Amino acid sequence: MTDTVGEFETDYQRVQRSEEFQALRRRFRNFVFPMTALFLVWYFVYVLLANYAHDFMSTKVWGNITVGLLFGLGQFVSTFAITMIYARWANNRQDAVAERLRRHIEEGTVDGGEVA
């Protein structure tokens, strides 16, 4: 199959142009970009507080446990939480669509057309 310029169009290029693939990609980006931004803000707030708010970060909460230690442990907790949230989201929203798209690719049909 040829594209508008007359060059050969690969199966991947045809799939990449399909509405199903574009919707899958759009949903992925709409989830991942905000989640990444949120985590980066949380991380930089932690780093900035550790660097510039020594008194606040060294405030004892209980025994030798400080606010800084809790925030540091919170980094690990938030990483695992984001991973679990993403896995659940992908299982519910992306995997079925990706599987259907894979099946169309293997069968040679995308958006009702034959994949050359």
N, C-alpha and C. Protein backbone atom coordinates (compact mmCIF):
# COMPACT_ATOMS: atom_id res chain seq x y z
N MET A 1 0.85 -1.18 0.00
CA MET A 1 0.00 0.00 0.00
C MET A 1 0.89 1.23 0.00
N THR A 2 0.43 2.28 -0.65
CA THR A 2 1.20 3.51 -0.71
C THR A 2 0.46 4.61 0.04
N ASP A 3 1.23 5.56 0.53
CA ASP A 3 0.61 6.72 1.19
C ASP A 3 0.45 7.83 0.15
N THR A 4 0.13 9.03 0.62
CA THR A 4 -0.14 10.14 -0.30
C THR A 4 1.08 10.57 -1.09
N VAL A 5 2.27 10.29 -0.60
CA VAL A 5 3.50 10.70 -1.29
C VAL A 5 3.92 9.63 -2.29
N GLY A 6 3.29 8.44 -2.22
CA GLY A 6 3.64 7.38 -3.14
C GLY A 6 4.67 6.42 -2.57
N GLU A 7 5.04 6.59 -1.32
CA GLU A 7 6.00 5.69 -0.70
C GLU A 7 5.26 4.52 -0.07
N PHE A 8 5.97 3.43 0.15
CA PHE A 8 5.38 2.25 0.77
C PHE A 8 5.02 2.53 2.22
N GLU A 9 3.82 2.15 2.63
CA GLU A 9 3.36 2.33 4.01
C GLU A 9 3.47 1.00 4.74
N THR A 10 4.17 0.99 5.86
CA THR A 10 4.33 -0.23 6.63
C THR A 10 3.08 -0.52 7.45
N ASP A 11 2.98 -1.76 7.92
CA ASP A 11 1.85 -2.14 8.78
C ASP A 11 1.82 -1.25 10.02
N TYR A 12 2.97 -1.01 10.58
CA TYR A 12 3.03 -0.18 11.79
C TYR A 12 2.51 1.23 11.52
N GLN A 13 2.88 1.81 10.41
CA GLN A 13 2.40 3.16 10.09
C GLN A 13 0.89 3.19 9.94
N ARG A 14 0.33 2.16 9.33
CA ARG A 14 -1.13 2.09 9.17
C ARG A 14 -1.82 1.95 10.52
N VAL A 15 -1.27 1.10 11.38
CA VAL A 15 -1.83 0.92 12.72
C VAL A 15 -1.71 2.23 13.50
N GLN A 16 -0.57 2.87 13.39
CA GLN A 16 -0.34 4.12 14.10
C GLN A 16 -1.34 5.20 13.70
N ARG A 17 -1.81 5.20 12.48
CA ARG A 17 -2.79 6.17 12.02
C ARG A 17 -4.22 5.82 12.44
N SER A 18 -4.45 4.59 12.86
CA SER A 18 -5.81 4.16 13.17
C SER A 18 -6.38 4.92 14.37
N GLU A 19 -7.68 5.13 14.34
CA GLU A 19 -8.37 5.84 15.42
C GLU A 19 -8.25 5.07 16.73
N GLU A 20 -8.29 3.76 16.66
CA GLU A 20 -8.19 2.92 17.87
C GLU A 20 -6.83 3.11 18.55
N PHE A 21 -5.78 3.13 17.78
CA PHE A 21 -4.44 3.33 18.33
C PHE A 21 -4.29 4.74 18.90
N GLN A 22 -4.81 5.73 18.17
CA GLN A 22 -4.72 7.12 18.63
C GLN A 22 -5.48 7.30 19.95
N ALA A 23 -6.65 6.66 20.07
CA ALA A 23 -7.42 6.75 21.32
C ALA A 23 -6.67 6.08 22.46
N LEU A 24 -6.04 4.94 22.20
CA LEU A 24 -5.25 4.23 23.21
C LEU A 24 -4.10 5.11 23.68
N ARG A 25 -3.42 5.70 22.74
CA ARG A 25 -2.28 6.57 23.06
C ARG A 25 -2.73 7.82 23.83
N ARG A 26 -3.85 8.41 23.42
CA ARG A 26 -4.38 9.60 24.08
C ARG A 26 -4.76 9.29 25.53
N ARG A 27 -5.45 8.16 25.76
CA ARG A 27 -5.81 7.77 27.13
C ARG A 27 -4.56 7.55 27.98
N PHE A 28 -3.55 6.91 27.40
CA PHE A 28 -2.30 6.66 28.12
C PHE A 28 -1.66 7.98 28.54
N ARG A 29 -1.54 8.90 27.60
CA ARG A 29 -0.92 10.20 27.90
C ARG A 29 -1.73 11.00 28.90
N ASN A 30 -3.06 10.96 28.79
CA ASN A 30 -3.91 11.70 29.72
C ASN A 30 -3.81 11.18 31.15
N PHE A 31 -3.39 9.95 31.31
CA PHE A 31 -3.18 9.40 32.65
C PHE A 31 -1.74 9.62 33.10
N VAL A 32 -0.79 9.26 32.27
CA VAL A 32 0.61 9.23 32.67
C VAL A 32 1.21 10.62 32.88
N PHE A 33 0.93 11.55 32.00
CA PHE A 33 1.55 12.87 32.13
C PHE A 33 1.13 13.58 33.42
N PRO A 34 -0.16 13.66 33.74
CA PRO A 34 -0.52 14.31 35.01
C PRO A 34 0.02 13.56 36.23
N MET A 35 0.02 12.22 36.19
CA MET A 35 0.53 11.44 37.31
C MET A 35 2.03 11.69 37.49
N THR A 36 2.75 11.76 36.40
CA THR A 36 4.19 12.04 36.46
C THR A 36 4.45 13.44 37.00
N ALA A 37 3.67 14.41 36.52
CA ALA A 37 3.83 15.78 37.01
C ALA A 37 3.54 15.86 38.51
N LEU A 38 2.49 15.20 38.95
CA LEU A 38 2.15 15.18 40.37
C LEU A 38 3.28 14.59 41.20
N PHE A 39 3.83 13.47 40.76
CA PHE A 39 4.92 12.85 41.51
C PHE A 39 6.16 13.74 41.52
N LEU A 40 6.49 14.36 40.39
CA LEU A 40 7.67 15.22 40.34
C LEU A 40 7.51 16.43 41.25
N VAL A 41 6.32 17.01 41.29
CA VAL A 41 6.08 18.13 42.21
C VAL A 41 6.28 17.66 43.63
N TRP A 42 5.71 16.52 44.00
CA TRP A 42 5.84 15.95 45.35
C TRP A 42 7.32 15.71 45.67
N TYR A 43 8.06 15.16 44.71
CA TYR A 43 9.48 14.88 44.93
C TYR A 43 10.27 16.18 45.13
N PHE A 44 10.05 17.17 44.27
CA PHE A 44 10.79 18.42 44.39
C PHE A 44 10.42 19.20 45.64
N VAL A 45 9.17 19.12 46.06
CA VAL A 45 8.78 19.74 47.33
C VAL A 45 9.57 19.11 48.46
N TYR A 46 9.68 17.80 48.45
CA TYR A 46 10.46 17.09 49.47
C TYR A 46 11.92 17.55 49.45
N VAL A 47 12.52 17.60 48.27
CA VAL A 47 13.92 17.99 48.16
C VAL A 47 14.11 19.44 48.62
N LEU A 48 13.23 20.33 48.18
CA LEU A 48 13.34 21.74 48.57
C LEU A 48 13.14 21.92 50.08
N LEU A 49 12.18 21.22 50.64
CA LEU A 49 11.98 21.31 52.09
C LEU A 49 13.20 20.78 52.84
N ALA A 50 13.76 19.68 52.36
CA ALA A 50 14.94 19.10 53.00
C ALA A 50 16.12 20.07 52.94
N ASN A 51 16.19 20.84 51.87
CA ASN A 51 17.31 21.75 51.69
C ASN A 51 17.11 23.10 52.39
N TYR A 52 15.88 23.61 52.38
CA TYR A 52 15.66 24.97 52.85
C TYR A 52 14.80 25.08 54.11
N ALA A 53 14.17 24.03 54.55
CA ALA A 53 13.30 24.09 55.74
C ALA A 53 13.79 23.11 56.80
N HIS A 54 15.04 23.29 57.21
CA HIS A 54 15.65 22.36 58.16
C HIS A 54 14.86 22.25 59.45
N ASP A 55 14.42 23.37 59.98
CA ASP A 55 13.68 23.34 61.25
C ASP A 55 12.39 22.54 61.12
N PHE A 56 11.66 22.77 60.03
CA PHE A 56 10.41 22.04 59.82
C PHE A 56 10.67 20.55 59.63
N MET A 57 11.65 20.20 58.80
CA MET A 57 11.93 18.79 58.50
C MET A 57 12.50 18.06 59.71
N SER A 58 13.14 18.79 60.62
CA SER A 58 13.70 18.13 61.80
C SER A 58 12.74 18.13 62.99
N THR A 59 11.53 18.60 62.79
CA THR A 59 10.52 18.58 63.85
C THR A 59 10.21 17.14 64.22
N LYS A 60 10.33 16.84 65.50
CA LYS A 60 10.06 15.47 65.96
C LYS A 60 8.56 15.27 66.07
N VAL A 61 8.11 14.15 65.51
CA VAL A 61 6.70 13.81 65.53
C VAL A 61 6.41 12.85 66.67
N TRP A 62 7.30 11.86 66.82
CA TRP A 62 7.15 10.85 67.86
C TRP A 62 8.51 10.22 68.10
N GLY A 63 9.03 10.33 69.27
CA GLY A 63 10.37 9.79 69.56
C GLY A 63 11.40 10.43 68.66
N ASN A 64 12.16 9.61 67.95
CA ASN A 64 13.16 10.11 67.00
C ASN A 64 12.63 10.22 65.57
N ILE A 65 11.35 10.04 65.39
CA ILE A 65 10.73 10.13 64.07
C ILE A 65 10.47 11.61 63.76
N THR A 66 11.04 12.09 62.64
CA THR A 66 10.89 13.50 62.26
C THR A 66 9.98 13.63 61.03
N VAL A 67 9.57 14.87 60.78
CA VAL A 67 8.76 15.15 59.59
C VAL A 67 9.54 14.75 58.34
N GLY A 68 10.82 15.04 58.29
CA GLY A 68 11.66 14.69 57.14
C GLY A 68 11.69 13.19 56.89
N LEU A 69 11.80 12.41 57.96
CA LEU A 69 11.80 10.96 57.81
C LEU A 69 10.46 10.48 57.27
N LEU A 70 9.37 11.04 57.77
CA LEU A 70 8.05 10.65 57.28
C LEU A 70 7.87 11.03 55.81
N PHE A 71 8.34 12.23 55.43
CA PHE A 71 8.26 12.62 54.03
C PHE A 71 9.12 11.70 53.15
N GLY A 72 10.29 11.34 53.63
CA GLY A 72 11.16 10.42 52.88
C GLY A 72 10.51 9.07 52.69
N LEU A 73 9.93 8.54 53.74
CA LEU A 73 9.22 7.26 53.62
C LEU A 73 7.99 7.41 52.73
N GLY A 74 7.40 8.60 52.78
CA GLY A 74 6.27 8.88 51.91
C GLY A 74 6.61 8.80 50.43
N GLN A 75 7.86 9.07 50.09
CA GLN A 75 8.31 8.93 48.70
C GLN A 75 8.19 7.47 48.26
N PHE A 76 8.60 6.55 49.12
CA PHE A 76 8.48 5.13 48.78
C PHE A 76 7.02 4.72 48.69
N VAL A 77 6.24 5.15 49.65
CA VAL A 77 4.82 4.80 49.67
C VAL A 77 4.13 5.34 48.42
N SER A 78 4.42 6.59 48.05
CA SER A 78 3.76 7.16 46.88
C SER A 78 4.20 6.45 45.60
N THR A 79 5.45 6.01 45.52
CA THR A 79 5.90 5.27 44.35
C THR A 79 5.12 3.97 44.20
N PHE A 80 4.97 3.22 45.29
CA PHE A 80 4.20 1.98 45.24
C PHE A 80 2.73 2.26 44.95
N ALA A 81 2.19 3.32 45.53
CA ALA A 81 0.78 3.68 45.29
C ALA A 81 0.55 4.02 43.82
N ILE A 82 1.44 4.81 43.25
CA ILE A 82 1.30 5.18 41.84
C ILE A 82 1.39 3.94 40.96
N THR A 83 2.29 3.03 41.29
CA THR A 83 2.42 1.79 40.53
C THR A 83 1.14 0.97 40.59
N MET A 84 0.57 0.84 41.78
CA MET A 84 -0.67 0.07 41.93
C MET A 84 -1.83 0.76 41.21
N ILE A 85 -1.91 2.08 41.32
CA ILE A 85 -2.96 2.83 40.63
C ILE A 85 -2.84 2.66 39.12
N TYR A 86 -1.61 2.76 38.62
CA TYR A 86 -1.41 2.59 37.18
C TYR A 86 -1.78 1.18 36.74
N ALA A 87 -1.36 0.17 37.48
CA ALA A 87 -1.66 -1.22 37.11
C ALA A 87 -3.17 -1.45 37.06
N ARG A 88 -3.88 -0.95 38.05
CA ARG A 88 -5.34 -1.10 38.06
C ARG A 88 -5.97 -0.35 36.89
N TRP A 89 -5.51 0.88 36.66
CA TRP A 89 -6.03 1.69 35.56
C TRP A 89 -5.77 0.98 34.23
N ALA A 90 -4.55 0.50 34.03
CA ALA A 90 -4.21 -0.16 32.76
C ALA A 90 -5.05 -1.43 32.57
N ASN A 91 -5.22 -2.20 33.63
CA ASN A 91 -6.04 -3.41 33.53
C ASN A 91 -7.47 -3.09 33.15
N ASN A 92 -8.01 -2.01 33.69
CA ASN A 92 -9.42 -1.67 33.46
C ASN A 92 -9.65 -0.86 32.19
N ARG A 93 -8.69 -0.03 31.79
CA ARG A 93 -8.93 0.92 30.70
C ARG A 93 -8.11 0.67 29.43
N GLN A 94 -6.92 0.09 29.55
CA GLN A 94 -6.04 0.00 28.40
C GLN A 94 -5.87 -1.41 27.84
N ASP A 95 -5.74 -2.37 28.72
CA ASP A 95 -5.35 -3.71 28.27
C ASP A 95 -6.32 -4.34 27.28
N ALA A 96 -7.62 -4.18 27.51
CA ALA A 96 -8.60 -4.77 26.59
C ALA A 96 -8.50 -4.13 25.21
N VAL A 97 -8.32 -2.82 25.18
CA VAL A 97 -8.20 -2.11 23.90
C VAL A 97 -6.91 -2.51 23.21
N ALA A 98 -5.82 -2.59 23.96
CA ALA A 98 -4.53 -2.99 23.38
C ALA A 98 -4.60 -4.41 22.84
N GLU A 99 -5.27 -5.29 23.57
CA GLU A 99 -5.42 -6.68 23.13
C GLU A 99 -6.23 -6.74 21.83
N ARG A 100 -7.31 -5.98 21.78
CA ARG A 100 -8.14 -5.94 20.57
C ARG A 100 -7.33 -5.40 19.39
N LEU A 101 -6.54 -4.37 19.62
CA LEU A 101 -5.71 -3.80 18.57
C LEU A 101 -4.66 -4.81 18.12
N ARG A 102 -4.06 -5.52 19.05
CA ARG A 102 -3.08 -6.56 18.70
C ARG A 102 -3.72 -7.62 17.83
N ARG A 103 -4.94 -8.03 18.19
CA ARG A 103 -5.64 -9.04 17.42
C ARG A 103 -5.92 -8.55 16.00
N HIS A 104 -6.32 -7.28 15.86
CA HIS A 104 -6.53 -6.71 14.53
C HIS A 104 -5.24 -6.72 13.72
N ILE A 105 -4.14 -6.41 14.37
CA ILE A 105 -2.84 -6.40 13.68
C ILE A 105 -2.49 -7.81 13.20
N GLU A 106 -2.67 -8.78 14.07
CA GLU A 106 -2.33 -10.16 13.71
C GLU A 106 -3.24 -10.70 12.61
N GLU A 107 -4.50 -10.25 12.60
CA GLU A 107 -5.45 -10.69 11.58
C GLU A 107 -5.27 -9.93 10.28
N GLY A 108 -4.57 -8.79 10.35
CA GLY A 108 -4.33 -8.00 9.16
C GLY A 108 -5.39 -6.97 8.88
N THR A 109 -6.22 -6.66 9.89
CA THR A 109 -7.26 -5.64 9.71
C THR A 109 -7.14 -4.59 10.77
N VAL A 110 -7.23 -3.34 10.36
CA VAL A 110 -7.24 -2.22 11.27
C VAL A 110 -8.28 -1.24 10.77
N ASP A 111 -9.18 -0.82 11.64
CA ASP A 111 -10.27 0.09 11.25
C ASP A 111 -11.03 -0.42 10.04
N GLY A 112 -11.25 -1.72 9.98
CA GLY A 112 -12.05 -2.30 8.92
C GLY A 112 -11.30 -2.52 7.62
N GLY A 113 -10.06 -2.10 7.55
CA GLY A 113 -9.30 -2.28 6.32
C GLY A 113 -8.24 -3.35 6.47
N GLU A 114 -7.74 -3.80 5.37
CA GLU A 114 -6.67 -4.79 5.38
C GLU A 114 -5.33 -4.13 5.65
N VAL A 115 -4.53 -4.76 6.47
CA VAL A 115 -3.16 -4.31 6.65
C VAL A 115 -2.33 -4.97 5.59
N ALA A 116 -1.65 -4.17 4.77
CA ALA A 116 -0.88 -4.71 3.63
C ALA A 116 0.27 -5.57 4.09
